[in-house]
Amino acid sequence: VEINEKDLIDAITLLLEFPLGDSDAETINIGRIAGICAKDWGWWRTLTMNLDKVRQMAEHYEQLDEDETRRVSDQVQAALDRIEAEKKSMSWKLRAKVGDRKKWYRDVGELIAMPEDA
């Protein structure tokens, strides 16, 4: 699963600007995110991989000072902890047994193409 640098920077910005919480009011609703990931292994796998990439990018992103880098890392770890703590569904557990051996995502080229006139 590919994620581009702009998306990583956007995620870093969101993690710096908003705390994790359990509502949609001026927070990143980690309760909702964890609930989605607990039901769908593919979402879980993609999100946890991308959160690791966000942390790695923040560690080497020269525009962040030491405090900002630490805050991003702390937010990522708190998000991962909350996602891991969520009780997983039976379908999640079954899909987890297969793991990365079977592709769980669709490439952009596999998505429905828009008509050329659109």
Protein backbone atom coordinates (compact mmCIF):
# COMPACT_ATOMS: atom_id res chain seq x y z
CA VAL A 1 0.00 0.00 0.00
CA GLU A 2 1.50 3.25 -1.14
CA ILE A 3 1.25 6.55 0.69
CA ASN A 4 2.81 9.71 -0.68
CA GLU A 5 4.88 12.32 1.14
CA LYS A 6 2.09 14.92 1.02
CA ASP A 7 -0.29 12.54 2.81
CA LEU A 8 2.34 11.80 5.46
CA ILE A 9 2.87 15.54 6.03
CA ASP A 10 -0.90 16.06 6.26
CA ALA A 11 -1.11 13.30 8.88
CA ILE A 12 1.75 14.85 10.86
CA THR A 13 -0.04 18.21 10.79
CA LEU A 14 -3.29 16.67 12.02
CA LEU A 15 -1.49 14.84 14.84
CA LEU A 16 0.17 18.10 15.91
CA GLU A 17 -3.06 20.10 15.78
CA PHE A 18 -5.61 17.74 17.32
CA PRO A 19 -5.57 15.45 20.35
CA LEU A 20 -6.86 11.90 20.20
CA GLY A 21 -10.34 11.54 21.66
CA ASP A 22 -13.61 9.68 21.55
CA SER A 23 -15.70 12.30 19.79
CA ASP A 24 -15.66 14.31 16.59
CA ALA A 25 -15.42 17.66 18.39
CA GLU A 26 -11.95 19.11 17.72
CA THR A 27 -10.28 15.71 18.15
CA ILE A 28 -9.13 12.77 16.11
CA ASN A 29 -11.86 10.27 16.96
CA ILE A 30 -9.59 7.35 17.77
CA GLY A 31 -12.49 5.39 19.26
CA ARG A 32 -14.24 5.37 15.89
CA ILE A 33 -11.02 4.55 14.06
CA ALA A 34 -10.20 1.70 16.46
CA GLY A 35 -13.72 0.33 16.04
CA ILE A 36 -13.39 0.27 12.25
CA CYS A 37 -9.97 -1.38 12.44
CA ALA A 38 -11.26 -4.02 14.88
CA LYS A 39 -13.84 -5.15 12.33
CA ASP A 40 -11.70 -5.03 9.18
CA TRP A 41 -8.20 -6.50 9.07
CA GLY A 42 -7.38 -4.66 5.83
CA TRP A 43 -8.17 -1.29 7.35
CA TRP A 44 -6.16 -2.27 10.45
CA ARG A 45 -3.17 -3.36 8.39
CA THR A 46 -3.15 -0.28 6.16
CA LEU A 47 -3.63 2.16 9.02
CA THR A 48 -1.02 0.64 11.32
CA MET A 49 1.51 0.49 8.46
CA ASN A 50 0.83 4.10 7.59
CA LEU A 51 1.05 5.27 11.20
CA ASP A 52 4.51 3.68 11.36
CA LYS A 53 5.43 5.58 8.19
CA VAL A 54 4.13 8.82 9.73
CA ARG A 55 6.34 8.29 12.79
CA GLN A 56 9.38 7.54 10.60
CA MET A 57 8.75 10.61 8.46
CA ALA A 58 8.38 12.83 11.53
CA GLU A 59 11.70 11.57 12.91
CA HIS A 60 13.50 12.76 9.76
CA TYR A 61 11.38 15.78 8.85
CA GLU A 62 13.66 18.79 9.26
CA GLN A 63 10.77 21.26 9.58
CA LEU A 64 9.81 19.77 12.97
CA ASP A 65 11.60 20.71 16.14
CA GLU A 66 12.40 18.11 18.81
CA ASP A 67 9.19 18.76 20.77
CA GLU A 68 6.99 18.42 17.68
CA THR A 69 8.72 15.21 16.65
CA ARG A 70 8.13 13.79 20.14
CA ARG A 71 4.47 14.89 20.11
CA VAL A 72 3.86 13.17 16.76
CA SER A 73 5.58 10.02 17.97
CA ASP A 74 3.55 10.04 21.21
CA GLN A 75 0.29 10.55 19.30
CA VAL A 76 1.13 7.73 16.88
CA GLN A 77 1.98 5.38 19.75
CA ALA A 78 -1.21 6.29 21.63
CA ALA A 79 -3.25 5.67 18.46
CA LEU A 80 -1.56 2.31 17.86
CA ASP A 81 -2.10 1.30 21.50
CA ARG A 82 -5.79 2.17 21.31
CA ILE A 83 -6.24 0.34 18.00
CA GLU A 84 -4.50 -2.76 19.35
CA ALA A 85 -6.55 -2.73 22.55
CA GLU A 86 -9.87 -2.81 20.70
CA LYS A 87 -11.55 -6.24 20.74
CA LYS A 88 -11.23 -7.76 17.27
CA SER A 89 -14.10 -9.41 15.39
CA MET A 90 -14.06 -13.08 14.40
CA SER A 91 -13.69 -12.14 10.71
CA TRP A 92 -10.72 -9.91 11.65
CA LYS A 93 -9.07 -12.81 13.48
CA LEU A 94 -9.64 -15.18 10.55
CA ARG A 95 -8.24 -12.68 8.03
CA ALA A 96 -5.25 -12.00 10.31
CA LYS A 97 -4.25 -15.66 10.00
CA VAL A 98 -3.74 -15.11 6.26
CA GLY A 99 -1.87 -11.86 6.88
CA ASP A 100 0.13 -10.22 4.14
CA ARG A 101 0.26 -13.41 2.05
CA LYS A 102 -2.98 -12.33 0.36
CA LYS A 103 -3.43 -8.83 -1.02
CA TRP A 104 -6.04 -6.89 0.99
CA TYR A 105 -6.16 -3.66 -0.98
CA ARG A 106 -6.88 -2.51 -4.51
CA ASP A 107 -4.36 -0.49 -6.45
CA VAL A 108 -5.50 2.84 -7.84
CA GLY A 109 -5.47 1.32 -11.35
CA GLU A 110 -7.95 -1.34 -10.19
CA LEU A 111 -10.53 1.21 -9.09
CA ILE A 112 -13.46 2.05 -11.32
CA ALA A 113 -12.22 4.34 -14.06
CA MET A 114 -14.02 7.58 -14.75
CA PRO A 115 -15.30 8.06 -18.31
CA GLU A 116 -12.98 10.17 -20.42
CA ASP A 117 -15.76 12.77 -20.83
CA ALA A 118 -16.07 13.35 -17.07
